[in-house]
Amino acid sequence: MRKDISMTLLLAALFVALVLIALTLARAKTSDRAGTYRQHALMTDNELEFFGRLVAALPEHYIFPQVAMSALLEPSSSDKKVAHSDRLRIAQQRIDYVVCNKRCEVVAIVELDDRTHSRAKDKVRDERLAGAGIRTVRFQARQKPAADAIRAAVLPAPAPAAAPAPAMPVV
């Protein structure tokens, strides 16, 4: 009988120990999910300098830096699997600058290309944006243009004025 009580107490102690270990592990997993982070600069010094040029060149527009591509594009496929796959293709992509008019309508995307850019990948990005009716303007990081050249490249050319209709003779 004494052996039965000892075995019962041992099993109970083992059970309590296992429960405590399980609770500790569960608590550790939940705290790990929060992660640890540090602040990251929104733009590099080069991007910040070019941002100033954009603001000076386009004072009547809003310039938004480092915008997630998914904020501007959404999959158009009605097939959920295809749409999900299309969403994943752009999920981690960022746009250097989005230029909007005062109604927050996108005028153009501006990309500042440096040596890390791949022409092939840039072409695919530009085609995705163009497919949604969004124009991309690219500038080289080493040859940043002056404000007037930026303005001319970013803003669409005004439509040519229509020629006046010929006067109708009065009869």
N, C-alpha and C. Protein backbone atom coordinates (compact mmCIF):
# COMPACT_ATOMS: atom_id res chain seq x y z
N MET A 1 0.83 -1.18 0.00
CA MET A 1 0.00 0.00 0.00
C MET A 1 0.88 1.25 0.00
N ARG A 2 1.93 1.19 0.80
CA ARG A 2 2.84 2.33 0.86
C ARG A 2 3.49 2.56 -0.51
N LYS A 3 3.75 1.45 -1.21
CA LYS A 3 4.32 1.52 -2.53
C LYS A 3 3.34 2.20 -3.50
N ASP A 4 2.05 1.92 -3.37
CA ASP A 4 1.03 2.52 -4.23
C ASP A 4 0.93 4.02 -4.01
N ILE A 5 1.00 4.46 -2.76
CA ILE A 5 0.95 5.89 -2.44
C ILE A 5 2.18 6.59 -3.00
N SER A 6 3.35 5.98 -2.84
CA SER A 6 4.60 6.56 -3.35
C SER A 6 4.54 6.70 -4.86
N MET A 7 4.03 5.65 -5.52
CA MET A 7 3.94 5.69 -6.97
C MET A 7 2.94 6.76 -7.41
N THR A 8 1.83 6.89 -6.70
CA THR A 8 0.83 7.90 -7.02
C THR A 8 1.41 9.30 -6.84
N LEU A 9 2.13 9.52 -5.75
CA LEU A 9 2.75 10.83 -5.51
C LEU A 9 3.81 11.14 -6.57
N LEU A 10 4.56 10.15 -6.95
CA LEU A 10 5.58 10.33 -7.97
C LEU A 10 4.93 10.69 -9.31
N LEU A 11 3.88 9.99 -9.67
CA LEU A 11 3.16 10.29 -10.92
C LEU A 11 2.53 11.68 -10.88
N ALA A 12 1.96 12.05 -9.73
CA ALA A 12 1.36 13.37 -9.57
C ALA A 12 2.43 14.45 -9.72
N ALA A 13 3.58 14.26 -9.09
CA ALA A 13 4.68 15.23 -9.18
C ALA A 13 5.18 15.34 -10.62
N LEU A 14 5.29 14.22 -11.29
CA LEU A 14 5.72 14.21 -12.68
C LEU A 14 4.71 14.94 -13.56
N PHE A 15 3.42 14.70 -13.30
CA PHE A 15 2.36 15.37 -14.06
C PHE A 15 2.43 16.90 -13.85
N VAL A 16 2.58 17.33 -12.59
CA VAL A 16 2.68 18.77 -12.29
C VAL A 16 3.91 19.38 -12.98
N ALA A 17 5.02 18.65 -12.95
CA ALA A 17 6.24 19.14 -13.60
C ALA A 17 6.03 19.29 -15.11
N LEU A 18 5.38 18.31 -15.73
CA LEU A 18 5.10 18.38 -17.16
C LEU A 18 4.18 19.55 -17.51
N VAL A 19 3.17 19.76 -16.69
CA VAL A 19 2.25 20.88 -16.91
C VAL A 19 3.00 22.21 -16.81
N LEU A 20 3.87 22.35 -15.81
CA LEU A 20 4.66 23.58 -15.65
C LEU A 20 5.60 23.80 -16.84
N ILE A 21 6.22 22.74 -17.30
CA ILE A 21 7.10 22.85 -18.47
C ILE A 21 6.29 23.27 -19.70
N ALA A 22 5.12 22.67 -19.89
CA ALA A 22 4.27 23.00 -21.03
C ALA A 22 3.83 24.46 -20.98
N LEU A 23 3.45 24.94 -19.80
CA LEU A 23 3.04 26.34 -19.65
C LEU A 23 4.21 27.29 -19.94
N THR A 24 5.38 26.95 -19.46
CA THR A 24 6.57 27.78 -19.70
C THR A 24 6.88 27.85 -21.19
N LEU A 25 6.82 26.72 -21.87
CA LEU A 25 7.08 26.69 -23.31
C LEU A 25 6.02 27.48 -24.08
N ALA A 26 4.76 27.34 -23.68
CA ALA A 26 3.69 28.08 -24.36
C ALA A 26 3.87 29.58 -24.17
N ARG A 27 4.24 29.99 -22.99
CA ARG A 27 4.47 31.41 -22.71
C ARG A 27 5.66 31.93 -23.53
N ALA A 28 6.69 31.13 -23.64
CA ALA A 28 7.88 31.52 -24.42
C ALA A 28 7.53 31.67 -25.89
N LYS A 29 6.69 30.77 -26.42
CA LYS A 29 6.29 30.87 -27.82
C LYS A 29 5.50 32.13 -28.09
N THR A 30 4.58 32.49 -27.20
CA THR A 30 3.78 33.70 -27.41
C THR A 30 4.63 34.95 -27.32
N SER A 31 5.60 34.98 -26.44
CA SER A 31 6.42 36.17 -26.34
C SER A 31 7.36 36.28 -27.53
N ASP A 32 7.77 35.14 -28.12
CA ASP A 32 8.62 35.17 -29.31
C ASP A 32 7.88 35.71 -30.52
N ARG A 33 6.61 35.52 -30.58
CA ARG A 33 5.82 35.98 -31.72
C ARG A 33 5.86 37.50 -31.87
N ALA A 34 6.01 38.20 -30.77
CA ALA A 34 6.07 39.65 -30.84
C ALA A 34 7.35 40.11 -31.51
N GLY A 35 8.41 39.33 -31.39
CA GLY A 35 9.68 39.67 -32.02
C GLY A 35 10.36 40.85 -31.36
N THR A 36 11.56 41.12 -31.80
CA THR A 36 12.27 42.31 -31.36
C THR A 36 12.65 43.10 -32.60
N TYR A 37 12.57 44.39 -32.51
CA TYR A 37 12.77 45.25 -33.67
C TYR A 37 13.61 46.45 -33.30
N ARG A 38 14.14 47.08 -34.33
CA ARG A 38 14.83 48.35 -34.16
C ARG A 38 14.38 49.25 -35.29
N GLN A 39 14.51 50.52 -35.10
CA GLN A 39 14.08 51.49 -36.10
C GLN A 39 14.99 51.42 -37.32
N HIS A 40 14.38 51.61 -38.48
CA HIS A 40 15.11 51.60 -39.75
C HIS A 40 14.79 52.90 -40.47
N ALA A 41 15.78 53.55 -41.03
CA ALA A 41 15.56 54.82 -41.75
C ALA A 41 14.61 54.60 -42.92
N LEU A 42 13.69 55.51 -43.12
CA LEU A 42 12.73 55.41 -44.21
C LEU A 42 13.44 55.51 -45.56
N MET A 43 14.45 56.38 -45.65
CA MET A 43 15.18 56.57 -46.90
C MET A 43 16.66 56.68 -46.62
N THR A 44 17.45 56.31 -47.63
CA THR A 44 18.89 56.52 -47.53
C THR A 44 19.16 58.02 -47.74
N ASP A 45 20.37 58.46 -47.47
CA ASP A 45 20.72 59.87 -47.70
C ASP A 45 20.51 60.25 -49.16
N ASN A 46 20.87 59.36 -50.07
CA ASN A 46 20.70 59.61 -51.51
C ASN A 46 19.22 59.75 -51.87
N GLU A 47 18.38 58.85 -51.33
CA GLU A 47 16.94 58.92 -51.59
C GLU A 47 16.32 60.16 -50.97
N LEU A 48 16.79 60.54 -49.81
CA LEU A 48 16.28 61.73 -49.14
C LEU A 48 16.62 63.00 -49.93
N GLU A 49 17.84 63.05 -50.45
CA GLU A 49 18.25 64.20 -51.27
C GLU A 49 17.37 64.29 -52.51
N PHE A 50 17.12 63.16 -53.16
CA PHE A 50 16.28 63.15 -54.36
C PHE A 50 14.83 63.48 -54.01
N PHE A 51 14.36 63.06 -52.86
CA PHE A 51 13.02 63.40 -52.39
C PHE A 51 12.87 64.93 -52.34
N GLY A 52 13.91 65.62 -51.83
CA GLY A 52 13.88 67.08 -51.81
C GLY A 52 13.77 67.67 -53.21
N ARG A 53 14.46 67.06 -54.17
CA ARG A 53 14.36 67.53 -55.56
C ARG A 53 12.95 67.33 -56.10
N LEU A 54 12.34 66.18 -55.80
CA LEU A 54 10.98 65.92 -56.26
C LEU A 54 10.00 66.94 -55.68
N VAL A 55 10.12 67.20 -54.39
CA VAL A 55 9.22 68.15 -53.73
C VAL A 55 9.39 69.54 -54.35
N ALA A 56 10.63 69.93 -54.61
CA ALA A 56 10.88 71.25 -55.23
C ALA A 56 10.35 71.30 -56.66
N ALA A 57 10.47 70.20 -57.40
CA ALA A 57 10.04 70.16 -58.80
C ALA A 57 8.53 70.09 -58.95
N LEU A 58 7.86 69.51 -57.95
CA LEU A 58 6.41 69.26 -58.05
C LEU A 58 5.68 69.78 -56.81
N PRO A 59 5.76 71.09 -56.53
CA PRO A 59 5.20 71.62 -55.28
C PRO A 59 3.68 71.47 -55.16
N GLU A 60 2.98 71.32 -56.27
CA GLU A 60 1.53 71.19 -56.22
C GLU A 60 1.08 69.73 -56.17
N HIS A 61 2.02 68.85 -55.92
CA HIS A 61 1.73 67.42 -55.83
C HIS A 61 2.15 66.86 -54.47
N TYR A 62 1.58 65.71 -54.13
CA TYR A 62 2.03 64.98 -52.95
C TYR A 62 3.05 63.94 -53.41
N ILE A 63 4.11 63.79 -52.65
CA ILE A 63 5.13 62.79 -52.94
C ILE A 63 5.17 61.84 -51.74
N PHE A 64 4.92 60.58 -51.99
CA PHE A 64 4.94 59.56 -50.93
C PHE A 64 6.13 58.63 -51.17
N PRO A 65 7.08 58.58 -50.24
CA PRO A 65 8.23 57.68 -50.42
C PRO A 65 7.96 56.29 -49.85
N GLN A 66 8.65 55.31 -50.43
CA GLN A 66 8.67 53.94 -49.92
C GLN A 66 7.27 53.36 -49.71
N VAL A 67 6.51 53.30 -50.78
CA VAL A 67 5.13 52.81 -50.73
C VAL A 67 5.10 51.34 -51.14
N ALA A 68 4.37 50.54 -50.41
CA ALA A 68 4.20 49.13 -50.76
C ALA A 68 3.45 49.03 -52.08
N MET A 69 3.96 48.22 -52.99
CA MET A 69 3.31 48.07 -54.29
C MET A 69 1.87 47.58 -54.12
N SER A 70 1.64 46.77 -53.10
CA SER A 70 0.29 46.25 -52.87
C SER A 70 -0.70 47.35 -52.46
N ALA A 71 -0.20 48.54 -52.12
CA ALA A 71 -1.10 49.66 -51.83
C ALA A 71 -1.65 50.26 -53.13
N LEU A 72 -0.99 49.97 -54.25
CA LEU A 72 -1.40 50.54 -55.53
C LEU A 72 -1.98 49.51 -56.50
N LEU A 73 -1.58 48.26 -56.34
CA LEU A 73 -2.03 47.22 -57.25
C LEU A 73 -2.77 46.13 -56.49
N GLU A 74 -3.78 45.57 -57.14
CA GLU A 74 -4.45 44.40 -56.59
C GLU A 74 -4.69 43.43 -57.73
N PRO A 75 -4.66 42.14 -57.44
CA PRO A 75 -4.87 41.15 -58.49
C PRO A 75 -6.24 41.33 -59.13
N SER A 76 -6.30 41.15 -60.45
CA SER A 76 -7.58 41.30 -61.13
C SER A 76 -8.21 39.96 -61.50
N SER A 77 -7.51 38.87 -61.23
CA SER A 77 -8.05 37.55 -61.57
C SER A 77 -9.21 37.20 -60.65
N SER A 78 -10.23 36.58 -61.23
CA SER A 78 -11.36 36.12 -60.42
C SER A 78 -11.07 34.74 -59.81
N ASP A 79 -10.04 34.08 -60.30
CA ASP A 79 -9.61 32.79 -59.75
C ASP A 79 -8.83 33.07 -58.47
N LYS A 80 -9.31 32.56 -57.33
CA LYS A 80 -8.71 32.88 -56.03
C LYS A 80 -7.26 32.43 -55.93
N LYS A 81 -6.94 31.26 -56.48
CA LYS A 81 -5.56 30.77 -56.42
C LYS A 81 -4.63 31.65 -57.25
N VAL A 82 -5.08 32.02 -58.44
CA VAL A 82 -4.27 32.88 -59.30
C VAL A 82 -4.11 34.26 -58.64
N ALA A 83 -5.19 34.79 -58.10
CA ALA A 83 -5.14 36.10 -57.44
C ALA A 83 -4.18 36.06 -56.26
N HIS A 84 -4.22 34.98 -55.50
CA HIS A 84 -3.32 34.85 -54.35
C HIS A 84 -1.86 34.80 -54.82
N SER A 85 -1.61 34.05 -55.84
CA SER A 85 -0.26 33.94 -56.41
C SER A 85 0.21 35.31 -56.92
N ASP A 86 -0.67 36.03 -57.60
CA ASP A 86 -0.34 37.37 -58.10
C ASP A 86 -0.05 38.33 -56.95
N ARG A 87 -0.82 38.23 -55.88
CA ARG A 87 -0.62 39.07 -54.70
C ARG A 87 0.75 38.81 -54.08
N LEU A 88 1.13 37.55 -54.00
CA LEU A 88 2.44 37.19 -53.42
C LEU A 88 3.60 37.73 -54.26
N ARG A 89 3.41 37.86 -55.58
CA ARG A 89 4.48 38.36 -56.46
C ARG A 89 4.88 39.80 -56.11
N ILE A 90 3.94 40.56 -55.60
CA ILE A 90 4.23 41.98 -55.31
C ILE A 90 4.26 42.29 -53.82
N ALA A 91 4.02 41.29 -53.00
CA ALA A 91 3.85 41.50 -51.55
C ALA A 91 5.02 42.21 -50.89
N GLN A 92 6.24 41.92 -51.27
CA GLN A 92 7.41 42.50 -50.61
C GLN A 92 8.03 43.64 -51.40
N GLN A 93 7.40 44.08 -52.47
CA GLN A 93 7.99 45.12 -53.31
C GLN A 93 7.58 46.51 -52.85
N ARG A 94 8.52 47.43 -52.94
CA ARG A 94 8.29 48.82 -52.57
C ARG A 94 8.58 49.71 -53.77
N ILE A 95 7.88 50.81 -53.81
CA ILE A 95 8.06 51.82 -54.85
C ILE A 95 8.80 52.97 -54.20
N ASP A 96 9.81 53.50 -54.89
CA ASP A 96 10.61 54.58 -54.30
C ASP A 96 9.75 55.80 -53.97
N TYR A 97 9.01 56.31 -54.98
CA TYR A 97 8.18 57.50 -54.76
C TYR A 97 6.90 57.38 -55.58
N VAL A 98 5.79 57.75 -54.97
CA VAL A 98 4.52 57.84 -55.68
C VAL A 98 4.16 59.32 -55.74
N VAL A 99 3.93 59.81 -56.94
CA VAL A 99 3.55 61.21 -57.14
C VAL A 99 2.04 61.25 -57.36
N CYS A 100 1.35 62.02 -56.52
CA CYS A 100 -0.11 62.13 -56.62
C CYS A 100 -0.52 63.58 -56.76
N ASN A 101 -1.67 63.79 -57.42
CA ASN A 101 -2.22 65.14 -57.48
C ASN A 101 -2.93 65.42 -56.15
N LYS A 102 -3.53 66.59 -56.04
CA LYS A 102 -4.16 66.98 -54.77
C LYS A 102 -5.37 66.11 -54.41
N ARG A 103 -5.89 65.36 -55.37
CA ARG A 103 -6.99 64.43 -55.08
C ARG A 103 -6.47 63.05 -54.72
N CYS A 104 -5.14 62.95 -54.55
CA CYS A 104 -4.45 61.69 -54.25
C CYS A 104 -4.62 60.65 -55.35
N GLU A 105 -4.75 61.10 -56.59
CA GLU A 105 -4.75 60.22 -57.74
C GLU A 105 -3.30 60.08 -58.20
N VAL A 106 -2.89 58.87 -58.51
CA VAL A 106 -1.51 58.64 -58.91
C VAL A 106 -1.24 59.28 -60.26
N VAL A 107 -0.21 60.13 -60.29
CA VAL A 107 0.24 60.78 -61.53
C VAL A 107 1.33 59.91 -62.17
N ALA A 108 2.25 59.44 -61.34
CA ALA A 108 3.35 58.60 -61.83
C ALA A 108 4.07 57.97 -60.65
N ILE A 109 4.81 56.93 -60.96
CA ILE A 109 5.73 56.29 -60.03
C ILE A 109 7.11 56.78 -60.42
N VAL A 110 7.92 57.12 -59.43
CA VAL A 110 9.30 57.53 -59.71
C VAL A 110 10.23 56.55 -59.02
N GLU A 111 11.15 56.01 -59.80
CA GLU A 111 12.14 55.08 -59.29
C GLU A 111 13.53 55.69 -59.44
N LEU A 112 14.31 55.59 -58.40
CA LEU A 112 15.69 56.06 -58.41
C LEU A 112 16.57 54.83 -58.52
N ASP A 113 17.11 54.61 -59.71
CA ASP A 113 17.88 53.39 -59.99
C ASP A 113 19.34 53.55 -59.63
N ASP A 114 19.86 52.56 -58.93
CA ASP A 114 21.29 52.52 -58.63
C ASP A 114 21.84 51.18 -59.10
N ARG A 115 23.06 50.87 -58.72
CA ARG A 115 23.71 49.66 -59.22
C ARG A 115 23.03 48.38 -58.75
N THR A 116 22.16 48.45 -57.74
CA THR A 116 21.49 47.24 -57.25
C THR A 116 20.29 46.86 -58.12
N HIS A 117 19.88 47.73 -59.02
CA HIS A 117 18.70 47.46 -59.85
C HIS A 117 19.03 46.50 -60.98
N SER A 118 18.06 45.66 -61.29
CA SER A 118 18.16 44.73 -62.40
C SER A 118 17.21 45.20 -63.50
N ARG A 119 17.73 45.41 -64.69
CA ARG A 119 16.87 45.89 -65.79
C ARG A 119 15.73 44.92 -66.06
N ALA A 120 16.02 43.64 -66.02
CA ALA A 120 14.97 42.64 -66.29
C ALA A 120 13.86 42.72 -65.24
N LYS A 121 14.23 42.80 -63.97
CA LYS A 121 13.23 42.90 -62.91
C LYS A 121 12.48 44.22 -62.99
N ASP A 122 13.21 45.30 -63.29
CA ASP A 122 12.56 46.61 -63.43
C ASP A 122 11.54 46.61 -64.56
N LYS A 123 11.87 45.93 -65.64
CA LYS A 123 10.95 45.85 -66.78
C LYS A 123 9.66 45.15 -66.36
N VAL A 124 9.77 44.06 -65.62
CA VAL A 124 8.59 43.33 -65.15
C VAL A 124 7.75 44.22 -64.24
N ARG A 125 8.41 44.93 -63.31
CA ARG A 125 7.69 45.84 -62.40
C ARG A 125 6.95 46.92 -63.18
N ASP A 126 7.66 47.52 -64.14
CA ASP A 126 7.07 48.60 -64.94
C ASP A 126 5.87 48.10 -65.75
N GLU A 127 5.97 46.87 -66.28
CA GLU A 127 4.86 46.30 -67.04
C GLU A 127 3.66 46.03 -66.15
N ARG A 128 3.90 45.57 -64.93
CA ARG A 128 2.78 45.36 -63.99
C ARG A 128 2.06 46.67 -63.72
N LEU A 129 2.85 47.70 -63.44
CA LEU A 129 2.25 49.01 -63.16
C LEU A 129 1.55 49.57 -64.39
N ALA A 130 2.17 49.46 -65.55
CA ALA A 130 1.57 49.96 -66.79
C ALA A 130 0.26 49.23 -67.08
N GLY A 131 0.22 47.94 -66.78
CA GLY A 131 -1.01 47.17 -66.98
C GLY A 131 -2.17 47.70 -66.15
N ALA A 132 -1.85 48.35 -65.05
CA ALA A 132 -2.87 48.95 -64.19
C ALA A 132 -3.06 50.44 -64.51
N GLY A 133 -2.38 50.91 -65.57
CA GLY A 133 -2.53 52.32 -65.98
C GLY A 133 -1.65 53.28 -65.20
N ILE A 134 -0.56 52.78 -64.60
CA ILE A 134 0.34 53.63 -63.82
C ILE A 134 1.68 53.73 -64.54
N ARG A 135 2.08 54.95 -64.83
CA ARG A 135 3.33 55.21 -65.55
C ARG A 135 4.51 55.26 -64.59
N THR A 136 5.63 54.67 -65.01
CA THR A 136 6.86 54.70 -64.21
C THR A 136 7.88 55.59 -64.89
N VAL A 137 8.49 56.47 -64.10
CA VAL A 137 9.57 57.32 -64.58
C VAL A 137 10.82 56.92 -63.79
N ARG A 138 11.90 56.65 -64.50
CA ARG A 138 13.14 56.20 -63.85
C ARG A 138 14.23 57.24 -64.02
N PHE A 139 14.96 57.46 -62.92
CA PHE A 139 16.13 58.34 -62.93
C PHE A 139 17.32 57.55 -62.40
N GLN A 140 18.50 57.87 -62.88
CA GLN A 140 19.72 57.23 -62.41
C GLN A 140 20.20 57.95 -61.16
N ALA A 141 20.56 57.19 -60.15
CA ALA A 141 21.00 57.75 -58.88
C ALA A 141 22.27 58.59 -59.04
N ARG A 142 23.12 58.22 -59.97
CA ARG A 142 24.37 58.96 -60.17
C ARG A 142 24.20 60.22 -61.01
N GLN A 143 23.09 60.33 -61.73
CA GLN A 143 22.88 61.47 -62.62
C GLN A 143 21.51 62.08 -62.35
N LYS A 144 21.29 62.52 -61.13
CA LYS A 144 19.99 63.07 -60.77
C LYS A 144 19.79 64.41 -61.47
N PRO A 145 18.67 64.56 -62.16
CA PRO A 145 18.41 65.80 -62.90
C PRO A 145 17.97 66.95 -61.99
N ALA A 146 17.99 68.12 -62.56
CA ALA A 146 17.52 69.33 -61.87
C ALA A 146 15.99 69.31 -61.83
N ALA A 147 15.43 70.20 -61.04
CA ALA A 147 13.98 70.24 -60.81
C ALA A 147 13.18 70.38 -62.11
N ASP A 148 13.61 71.24 -63.04
CA ASP A 148 12.84 71.44 -64.26
C ASP A 148 12.82 70.18 -65.13
N ALA A 149 13.91 69.43 -65.15
CA ALA A 149 13.96 68.17 -65.92
C ALA A 149 13.09 67.11 -65.24
N ILE A 150 13.08 67.10 -63.93
CA ILE A 150 12.23 66.16 -63.19
C ILE A 150 10.77 66.46 -63.51
N ARG A 151 10.41 67.72 -63.43
CA ARG A 151 9.03 68.13 -63.69
C ARG A 151 8.59 67.73 -65.10
N ALA A 152 9.44 67.98 -66.08
CA ALA A 152 9.11 67.65 -67.48
C ALA A 152 8.95 66.14 -67.66
N ALA A 153 9.75 65.36 -66.98
CA ALA A 153 9.69 63.91 -67.14
C ALA A 153 8.49 63.30 -66.40
N VAL A 154 8.15 63.85 -65.24
CA VAL A 154 7.11 63.25 -64.41
C VAL A 154 5.70 63.65 -64.84
N LEU A 155 5.53 64.93 -65.16
CA LEU A 155 4.18 65.39 -65.50
C LEU A 155 3.87 65.09 -66.95
N PRO A 156 2.68 64.61 -67.22
CA PRO A 156 2.30 64.34 -68.62
C PRO A 156 2.27 65.65 -69.41
N ALA A 157 2.67 65.55 -70.65
CA ALA A 157 2.65 66.73 -71.52
C ALA A 157 1.22 67.19 -71.69
N PRO A 158 1.00 68.50 -71.68
CA PRO A 158 -0.37 68.98 -71.87
C PRO A 158 -0.86 68.61 -73.27
N ALA A 159 -2.13 68.32 -73.37
CA ALA A 159 -2.73 67.98 -74.66
C ALA A 159 -2.66 69.19 -75.56
N PRO A 160 -2.36 68.97 -76.85
CA PRO A 160 -2.30 70.11 -77.76
C PRO A 160 -3.67 70.77 -77.86
N ALA A 161 -3.64 72.08 -77.97
CA ALA A 161 -4.90 72.82 -78.07
C ALA A 161 -5.57 72.48 -79.39
N ALA A 162 -6.87 72.30 -79.32
CA ALA A 162 -7.63 71.97 -80.53
C ALA A 162 -7.69 73.20 -81.43
N ALA A 163 -7.55 72.97 -82.70
CA ALA A 163 -7.65 74.09 -83.65
C ALA A 163 -9.08 74.58 -83.67
N PRO A 164 -9.24 75.90 -83.76
CA PRO A 164 -10.61 76.42 -83.78
C PRO A 164 -11.36 75.91 -85.02
N ALA A 165 -12.63 75.67 -84.86
CA ALA A 165 -13.46 75.21 -85.99
C ALA A 165 -13.60 76.34 -87.00
N PRO A 166 -13.58 75.99 -88.29
CA PRO A 166 -13.73 77.06 -89.29
C PRO A 166 -15.08 77.75 -89.13
N ALA A 167 -15.08 79.03 -89.38
CA ALA A 167 -16.31 79.81 -89.26
C ALA A 167 -17.29 79.39 -90.36
N MET A 168 -18.54 79.28 -89.97
CA MET A 168 -19.57 78.92 -90.92
C MET A 168 -20.09 80.20 -91.55
N PRO A 169 -20.19 80.19 -92.86
CA PRO A 169 -20.71 81.42 -93.51
C PRO A 169 -22.17 81.64 -93.14
N VAL A 170 -22.49 82.88 -92.94
CA VAL A 170 -23.87 83.23 -92.60
C VAL A 170 -24.61 83.42 -93.90
N VAL A 171 -25.74 82.75 -94.05
CA VAL A 171 -26.50 82.85 -95.30
C VAL A 171 -27.70 83.68 -95.10
